[in-house]
Protein backbone atom coordinates (compact mmCIF):
# COMPACT_ATOMS: atom_id res chain seq x y z
CA MET A 1 1.07 79.25 78.28
CA GLY A 2 4.07 80.97 76.77
CA SER A 3 3.82 84.59 75.76
CA ALA A 4 4.15 85.68 72.16
CA ASP A 5 7.11 87.74 71.04
CA GLY A 6 5.76 90.90 69.39
CA THR A 7 8.54 91.04 66.80
CA SER A 8 9.26 87.45 65.83
CA GLY A 9 6.02 85.71 66.79
CA SER A 10 8.03 83.09 68.70
CA TRP A 11 6.96 81.66 72.03
CA ALA A 12 8.88 82.30 75.24
CA PHE A 13 9.58 78.61 75.85
CA LEU A 14 11.18 78.39 72.38
CA ARG A 15 13.45 81.44 72.59
CA PHE A 16 17.08 80.35 72.60
CA GLU A 17 20.00 82.37 73.93
CA HIS A 18 23.45 81.70 72.48
CA ALA A 19 26.76 81.71 74.36
CA PHE A 20 30.21 80.25 73.78
CA ARG A 21 31.43 78.40 76.85
CA ASP A 22 34.12 75.83 77.53
CA GLY A 23 34.88 75.44 73.84
CA LEU A 24 31.28 74.76 72.80
CA HIS A 25 28.42 76.80 71.39
CA THR A 26 25.54 76.69 73.86
CA TYR A 27 21.89 77.41 73.04
CA THR A 28 19.48 77.59 75.97
CA ALA A 29 15.71 77.97 76.14
CA ARG A 30 14.06 78.49 79.52
CA ALA A 31 10.54 78.14 80.86
CA ASP A 32 8.94 78.60 84.24
CA SER A 33 7.26 75.88 86.26
CA THR A 34 4.01 76.09 84.26
CA LEU A 35 5.75 74.34 81.36
CA VAL A 36 4.39 71.02 82.62
CA ASN A 37 0.76 72.19 82.58
CA GLU A 38 -1.53 70.78 79.91
CA VAL A 39 -3.05 73.23 77.43
CA TRP A 40 -6.00 71.18 76.15
CA ARG A 41 -8.56 70.87 78.92
CA GLY A 42 -9.46 67.37 77.77
CA LEU A 43 -6.19 66.04 79.18
CA GLN A 44 -7.71 66.74 82.60
CA ASP A 45 -11.38 66.13 81.88
CA LEU A 46 -10.90 62.78 80.09
CA ALA A 47 -8.56 61.29 82.69
CA PRO A 48 -8.13 58.49 83.63
CA TYR A 49 -7.17 57.54 80.11
CA PRO A 50 -8.28 54.35 78.35
CA ASP A 51 -6.04 51.30 78.11
CA ASP A 52 -6.15 51.49 74.31
CA PRO A 53 -2.56 52.48 73.34
CA GLU A 54 -3.93 54.17 70.19
CA LEU A 55 -5.93 56.62 72.32
CA ASN A 56 -3.98 56.94 75.56
CA PRO A 57 -2.00 60.21 75.26
CA MET A 58 0.64 59.02 77.72
CA ASP A 59 1.26 55.87 75.69
CA LEU A 60 1.28 57.81 72.43
CA TYR A 61 3.22 60.96 73.25
CA CYS A 62 3.99 60.98 76.99
CA ILE A 63 1.52 63.85 77.30
CA GLY A 64 -0.98 64.07 80.13
CA ASN A 65 -1.49 65.53 83.59
CA PHE A 66 1.78 67.16 84.69
CA ALA A 67 3.36 66.36 81.33
CA GLY A 68 1.84 68.94 79.04
CA GLU A 69 2.17 69.58 75.34
CA ARG A 70 5.07 72.03 75.61
CA LEU A 71 7.25 69.39 77.28
CA ALA A 72 6.64 67.20 74.25
CA VAL A 73 7.48 70.11 71.95
CA TRP A 74 10.85 70.46 73.68
CA ARG A 75 11.40 66.77 73.09
CA ALA A 76 10.54 67.25 69.42
CA VAL A 77 13.05 70.10 69.20
CA ALA A 78 15.72 67.82 70.67
CA TRP A 79 14.97 65.27 67.97
CA ALA A 80 14.87 67.85 65.18
CA VAL A 81 18.21 69.51 65.97
CA THR A 82 19.97 66.14 65.94
CA GLU A 83 18.55 65.16 62.53
CA GLY A 84 21.16 63.41 60.39
CA LEU A 85 23.19 62.35 63.43
CA HIS A 86 23.29 59.02 65.22
CA ARG A 87 21.33 59.51 68.41
CA CYS A 88 21.62 57.92 71.81
CA GLY A 89 20.47 59.03 75.23
CA ILE A 90 20.83 58.74 78.98
CA PRO A 91 17.86 59.06 81.36
CA HIS A 92 19.10 60.32 84.69
CA TRP A 93 18.33 58.09 87.65
CA ASP A 94 15.52 56.05 86.05
CA ARG A 95 17.74 53.72 84.05
CA ASP A 96 15.81 50.50 84.60
CA ASN A 97 12.43 52.09 83.84
CA ALA A 98 13.90 53.29 80.56
CA ALA A 99 15.14 49.81 79.71
CA VAL A 100 11.67 48.38 80.29
CA GLY A 101 10.06 51.10 78.19
CA LEU A 102 12.50 50.52 75.33
CA GLY A 103 12.28 46.72 75.57
CA VAL A 104 15.96 46.36 76.44
CA ASP A 105 16.99 43.50 78.71
CA ARG A 106 19.12 44.83 81.54
CA ASP A 107 21.91 42.41 80.70
CA ALA A 108 22.06 44.00 77.23
CA MET A 109 22.19 47.59 78.49
CA ARG A 110 25.31 49.61 77.78
CA LEU A 111 26.29 50.79 81.23
CA VAL A 112 28.45 53.89 81.74
CA ARG A 113 30.14 55.38 84.79
CA TRP A 114 29.72 59.05 83.85
CA GLU A 115 26.63 61.05 82.89
CA TYR A 116 26.17 64.69 81.94
CA ASP A 117 24.43 66.66 84.67
CA LEU A 118 22.60 69.87 83.75
CA ASP A 119 20.25 70.13 86.67
CA VAL A 120 17.36 72.58 87.12
CA ALA A 121 18.56 73.40 90.64
CA ASP A 122 22.34 73.06 90.44
CA GLY A 123 23.03 74.19 86.86
CA ASP A 124 25.59 72.75 84.44
CA LEU A 125 27.87 70.45 86.42
CA GLY A 126 29.44 68.70 83.43
CA PHE A 127 30.06 65.00 83.76
CA VAL A 128 29.40 63.52 87.18
CA PRO A 129 29.57 59.95 88.52
CA ALA A 130 26.47 58.13 87.32
CA ARG A 131 23.73 57.00 89.66
CA ALA A 132 20.70 54.82 89.11
CA SER A 133 17.64 54.14 91.19
CA VAL A 134 17.79 51.06 93.39
CA ARG A 135 14.38 49.99 94.59
CA ILE A 136 13.56 49.66 98.26
CA HIS A 137 10.48 47.44 98.07
CA PRO A 138 10.48 44.73 97.04
CA PRO A 139 14.12 44.39 98.07
CA PRO A 140 16.61 44.83 95.20
CA ASP A 141 18.39 41.87 93.73
CA GLN A 142 22.17 41.62 93.63
CA TRP A 143 22.42 42.99 90.07
CA GLU A 144 20.63 46.20 91.09
CA ILE A 145 22.86 46.61 94.13
CA ASP A 146 26.03 46.01 92.13
CA HIS A 147 25.08 48.44 89.35
CA GLY A 148 23.67 51.38 91.29
CA GLY A 149 26.64 53.48 90.17
CA PHE A 150 25.99 53.12 86.44
CA ALA A 151 23.74 54.96 84.01
CA GLY A 152 22.29 53.39 80.87
CA LEU A 153 23.29 54.65 77.41
CA PHE A 154 20.51 53.74 74.97
CA PRO A 155 20.52 53.95 71.15
CA LEU A 156 17.57 56.01 69.88
CA ALA A 157 16.31 54.86 66.50
CA SER A 158 13.10 56.91 66.44
CA PHE A 159 11.29 59.81 68.06
CA ASP A 160 9.14 57.21 69.79
CA ASP A 161 12.31 55.86 71.45
CA LEU A 162 13.04 59.34 72.80
CA THR A 163 9.45 59.56 74.01
CA ARG A 164 9.85 56.26 75.85
CA LEU A 165 13.09 57.56 77.38
CA ASP A 166 11.33 60.71 78.57
CA GLY A 167 8.46 58.62 79.88
CA ALA A 168 10.90 56.81 82.15
CA VAL A 169 11.65 60.03 84.06
CA PHE A 170 8.01 61.13 84.13
CA ALA A 171 7.72 60.85 87.92
CA SER A 172 11.05 62.53 88.73
CA ASP A 173 10.83 65.90 90.46
CA ARG A 174 14.05 67.00 88.72
CA ALA A 175 13.88 65.04 85.49
CA GLN A 176 16.79 64.91 83.08
CA VAL A 177 17.27 63.32 79.69
CA THR A 178 20.52 63.78 77.78
CA VAL A 179 20.60 63.14 74.02
CA PHE A 180 23.88 62.75 72.12
CA GLY A 181 23.95 63.44 68.38
CA LEU A 182 27.00 61.67 66.94
CA ASP A 183 28.61 61.88 63.52
CA GLY A 184 28.54 58.29 62.34
CA ASP A 185 28.37 55.10 64.35
CA ARG A 186 30.32 56.26 67.38
CA PHE A 187 28.11 54.68 70.03
CA ASP A 188 30.88 52.36 71.26
CA ALA A 189 33.42 55.18 71.29
CA LEU A 190 31.09 57.34 73.37
CA ALA A 191 30.43 54.50 75.79
CA ASP A 192 34.17 53.97 76.18
CA ALA A 193 34.68 57.67 76.88
CA LEU A 194 31.94 57.57 79.52
CA ASN A 195 33.64 54.64 81.21
CA ALA A 196 37.05 56.32 81.44
CA PRO A 197 38.67 56.39 84.89
CA ASP A 198 39.00 60.17 84.79
CA ARG A 199 36.16 62.65 84.48
CA PRO A 200 35.43 63.28 80.78
CA VAL A 201 35.26 66.75 79.26
CA LEU A 202 32.39 67.27 76.83
CA ALA A 203 34.40 69.38 74.37
CA ASP A 204 36.99 66.60 74.17
CA ILE A 205 34.39 63.93 73.47
CA LEU A 206 32.44 65.66 70.72
CA ARG A 207 33.74 65.69 67.17
CA PRO A 208 33.00 68.47 64.64
CA GLY A 209 29.31 68.54 63.80
CA GLU A 210 28.24 66.66 66.94
CA MET A 211 26.09 67.93 69.78
CA VAL A 212 24.46 67.17 73.10
CA VAL A 213 20.90 68.15 74.03
CA SER A 214 19.79 68.30 77.65
CA LEU A 215 16.16 68.40 78.77
CA ALA A 216 16.13 69.38 82.44
CA THR A 217 12.59 69.79 83.74
CA VAL A 218 10.49 69.87 86.89
CA ARG A 219 7.37 67.76 86.60
CA ASP A 220 5.35 69.28 89.48
CA ASP A 221 4.78 72.99 88.93
CA TRP A 222 3.68 73.67 92.52
CA MET A 223 6.82 72.23 94.12
CA THR A 224 9.46 74.74 93.13
CA HIS A 225 10.47 77.96 91.44
CA TRP A 226 13.28 76.24 89.50
CA THR A 227 13.55 77.09 85.83
CA ASN A 228 13.15 74.38 83.19
CA THR A 229 15.89 74.38 80.56
CA LEU A 230 16.37 72.94 77.09
CA THR A 231 20.06 73.20 76.25
CA VAL A 232 21.92 72.39 73.04
CA ARG A 233 25.73 72.24 73.19
CA ALA A 234 27.45 71.98 69.81
CA THR A 235 30.97 72.02 68.45
CA SER A 236 30.14 74.67 65.86
CA GLU A 237 27.74 77.58 65.59
CA THR A 238 24.51 76.53 63.90
CA ASP A 239 21.14 77.97 62.95
CA VAL A 240 19.42 74.58 63.16
CA VAL A 241 18.28 75.45 66.69
CA TYR A 242 16.53 78.62 65.55
CA ARG A 243 14.98 76.87 62.56
CA ALA A 244 13.60 74.14 64.81
CA ALA A 245 12.25 76.75 67.22
CA ALA A 246 10.52 78.61 64.39
CA HIS A 247 9.00 75.41 63.00
CA PHE A 248 7.62 74.22 66.33
CA GLY A 249 6.54 77.71 67.32
CA ALA A 250 4.34 77.81 64.22
CA ALA A 251 3.10 74.27 64.92
CA TYR A 252 2.24 75.24 68.49
CA GLN A 253 0.24 78.23 67.30
CA CYS A 254 -1.71 75.99 64.90
CA TYR A 255 -2.34 73.59 67.78
CA LEU A 256 -3.71 76.41 69.93
CA ASP A 257 -5.92 77.61 67.09
CA GLY A 258 -7.55 74.19 66.94
CA LEU A 259 -8.23 73.69 70.66
CA ASP A 260 -11.92 74.54 70.46
CA SER A 261 -12.51 71.86 67.83
CA MET A 262 -10.91 69.09 69.90
CA LYS A 263 -13.53 67.05 71.75
CA THR A 264 -12.14 63.51 71.99
CA LEU A 265 -8.84 61.73 72.55
CA ALA A 266 -8.92 60.77 68.89
CA ASP A 267 -9.05 64.47 68.05
CA PHE A 268 -6.12 65.06 70.36
CA ARG A 269 -4.11 62.23 68.79
CA SER A 270 -4.42 63.84 65.36
CA ALA A 271 -3.59 67.32 66.63
CA ALA A 272 -0.61 66.15 68.67
CA ALA A 273 0.81 64.24 65.71
CA LEU A 274 0.82 67.48 63.70
CA LEU A 275 2.22 69.45 66.62
CA LEU A 276 5.23 67.17 67.02
CA ALA A 277 5.94 66.46 63.34
């Protein structure tokens, strides 16, 4: 669990540091490998979870063993700071799993040649050539082979869509989800920029008021000492990040206060809905 800040009452995993770098305002929160651990014991004790999608915490919120509540809070922060913007996202590596989770036929996917890489091990690499998983068994079909060098850019109409996107990278040791918050319907323009022959520059792509949010996380806490990061890069300085952190810090404290009263997955569903609202 995160430690409380004695002055602000915030939690360590929701403390953002601000810097100005490469023409963009950058806000970064960090957490150690225990970020993935579940807080409510029932997420361990009641596993395996039922098939009922109204009770299964993985189906509902992508919360479970090795995908604890604080990961979902980071996802909720990413959604909150992009409020009022048109959102779309790229799951690193697990493109086809994301398409299945979002109900998008692969022929309808918007494929892009560049993806933003802010890796837990390698740091902020900017845009890099995209890569997607190509299965080994059963053998891949020709479409998978031909499109292994493309990422998928998916419109995100709801927080549930972002949850499905995050669920696609659930099994990745170095999971990454990148969320773009665009001013107006600029999905096609972004896709064109990410298919340019030359490496894009983030500050050149974003317009005033736009931002990018990166969730770079390690899903197995015993595997590594890498630091998990939640990073917001924006064209202008903003307090929306701190307001979101304060809101979800208070919600997390309320969630913790109610742990002893949670006995069933139905109890958890209600508590998690409040935590992520």
